[in-house]
């Protein structure tokens, strides 16, 4: 049994759908005198398992009580992998801005998921 397979089954069973989004630069203008293109929103639906904040982290003001903490599936979209601070996660119509995202590795250099902290 591979750890990646186990991780995928846990996300499928206990995770909920969220949308990870990032604003990126628009395509370059056709002519140098044309105005810049508007930014493009890239989004992908992923699975997230929400976790609770430890009381001592809330007491130390490292985490606010209503922050979104959890384990996020690895994005398949190259433009969204890895998730970055300022990306947004939308859950049930509410949008959260990612404050931190850390890869979790089972093999060197290959993330199996990301731990995230996001704030509304």
Protein backbone atom coordinates (compact mmCIF):
# COMPACT_ATOMS: atom_id res chain seq x y z
CA UNK A 1 0.00 0.00 0.00
CA UNK A 2 1.46 3.36 -0.99
CA UNK A 3 1.19 6.37 1.26
CA UNK A 4 0.00 8.45 -1.71
CA UNK A 5 -2.87 6.02 -2.30
CA UNK A 6 -3.84 6.10 1.36
CA UNK A 7 -3.74 9.90 1.34
CA UNK A 8 -6.01 9.99 -1.73
CA UNK A 9 -8.53 7.66 -0.04
CA UNK A 10 -8.56 9.77 3.15
CA UNK A 11 -9.13 12.98 1.16
CA UNK A 12 -11.90 11.29 -0.84
CA UNK A 13 -13.63 9.94 2.29
CA UNK A 14 -13.23 12.81 4.76
CA UNK A 15 -12.53 15.82 2.56
CA UNK A 16 -14.91 18.35 1.11
CA UNK A 17 -14.74 20.17 -2.20
CA UNK A 18 -13.11 23.61 -2.22
CA UNK A 19 -11.99 25.88 -5.04
CA UNK A 20 -8.39 27.10 -5.07
CA UNK A 21 -7.96 30.28 -7.15
CA UNK A 22 -5.13 32.59 -8.18
CA UNK A 23 -5.03 35.82 -10.19
CA UNK A 24 -2.28 35.68 -12.83
CA UNK A 25 -1.05 38.14 -15.42
CA UNK A 26 -3.08 38.25 -18.59
CA UNK A 27 -1.55 37.37 -21.94
CA UNK A 28 0.83 39.92 -23.45
CA UNK A 29 -0.86 42.50 -25.68
CA UNK A 30 -0.82 41.86 -29.40
CA UNK A 31 0.89 45.19 -30.13
CA UNK A 32 3.32 47.11 -27.91
CA UNK A 33 1.01 50.15 -27.92
CA UNK A 34 -2.03 48.17 -26.77
CA UNK A 35 -3.03 48.42 -23.10
CA UNK A 36 -2.06 45.50 -20.86
CA UNK A 37 -4.44 42.57 -20.69
CA UNK A 38 -6.57 42.21 -17.55
CA UNK A 39 -5.54 39.57 -15.00
CA UNK A 40 -6.82 36.02 -15.47
CA UNK A 41 -8.36 33.97 -12.65
CA UNK A 42 -7.16 30.34 -12.60
CA UNK A 43 -9.22 27.95 -10.46
CA UNK A 44 -9.27 24.26 -9.60
CA UNK A 45 -11.64 22.21 -7.45
CA UNK A 46 -9.74 20.21 -4.82
CA UNK A 47 -10.45 18.26 -1.63
CA UNK A 48 -9.73 19.72 1.82
CA UNK A 49 -9.92 18.09 5.23
CA UNK A 50 -10.53 20.85 7.77
CA UNK A 51 -8.72 20.52 11.09
CA UNK A 52 -9.08 22.43 14.35
CA UNK A 53 -6.66 25.00 15.73
CA UNK A 54 -4.81 24.06 18.89
CA UNK A 55 -5.85 26.25 21.83
CA UNK A 56 -2.27 27.39 22.52
CA UNK A 57 -1.89 28.66 18.93
CA UNK A 58 -5.10 30.69 19.29
CA UNK A 59 -3.95 31.98 22.70
CA UNK A 60 -0.58 33.01 21.20
CA UNK A 61 -2.45 34.88 18.41
CA UNK A 62 -0.75 32.77 15.74
CA UNK A 63 -4.14 31.50 14.61
CA UNK A 64 -7.51 33.20 14.87
CA UNK A 65 -10.45 31.11 16.03
CA UNK A 66 -12.24 31.43 12.67
CA UNK A 67 -9.19 30.66 10.47
CA UNK A 68 -9.50 27.80 8.03
CA UNK A 69 -6.89 25.15 8.84
CA UNK A 70 -6.59 21.91 6.99
CA UNK A 71 -5.00 19.49 4.59
CA UNK A 72 -5.38 20.36 0.91
CA UNK A 73 -4.98 17.93 -1.97
CA UNK A 74 -2.09 18.63 -4.33
CA UNK A 75 -3.28 20.80 -7.24
CA UNK A 76 -2.97 19.14 -10.65
CA UNK A 77 -2.87 22.53 -12.39
CA UNK A 78 0.79 23.49 -12.78
CA UNK A 79 -0.06 27.19 -12.33
CA UNK A 80 -1.58 26.47 -8.90
CA UNK A 81 1.01 23.99 -7.63
CA UNK A 82 2.19 24.90 -5.04
CA UNK A 83 -0.57 26.96 -3.39
CA UNK A 84 0.82 30.38 -2.44
CA UNK A 85 -0.01 33.02 0.13
CA UNK A 86 -2.64 35.39 -1.34
CA UNK A 87 -4.31 32.53 -3.29
CA UNK A 88 -7.92 32.06 -2.27
CA UNK A 89 -9.87 29.02 -1.12
CA UNK A 90 -13.64 29.17 -1.52
CA UNK A 91 -15.68 26.91 0.77
CA UNK A 92 -19.46 26.94 0.72
CA UNK A 93 -19.55 30.40 -0.88
CA UNK A 94 -17.12 31.95 1.64
CA UNK A 95 -13.70 33.03 0.42
CA UNK A 96 -10.52 32.66 2.49
CA UNK A 97 -7.07 34.06 1.67
CA UNK A 98 -4.19 31.65 2.20
CA UNK A 99 -1.72 32.88 4.81
CA UNK A 100 0.57 29.85 4.66
CA UNK A 101 0.82 26.60 2.75
CA UNK A 102 3.42 23.94 3.53
CA UNK A 103 4.04 20.82 1.47
CA UNK A 104 3.97 17.46 3.21
CA UNK A 105 6.38 14.98 1.66
CA UNK A 106 6.50 11.19 1.64
CA UNK A 107 9.31 11.18 -0.91
CA UNK A 108 11.97 13.88 -1.34
CA UNK A 109 10.74 16.64 -3.61
CA UNK A 110 7.21 15.32 -4.10
CA UNK A 111 4.35 16.77 -2.06
CA UNK A 112 1.47 14.43 -1.22
CA UNK A 113 -0.68 17.29 0.14
CA UNK A 114 -0.35 20.77 1.64
CA UNK A 115 -1.20 21.99 5.11
CA UNK A 116 -2.86 25.39 4.83
CA UNK A 117 -3.94 28.26 7.05
CA UNK A 118 -6.36 30.74 5.49
CA UNK A 119 -8.36 33.67 6.80
CA UNK A 120 -11.67 35.20 5.72
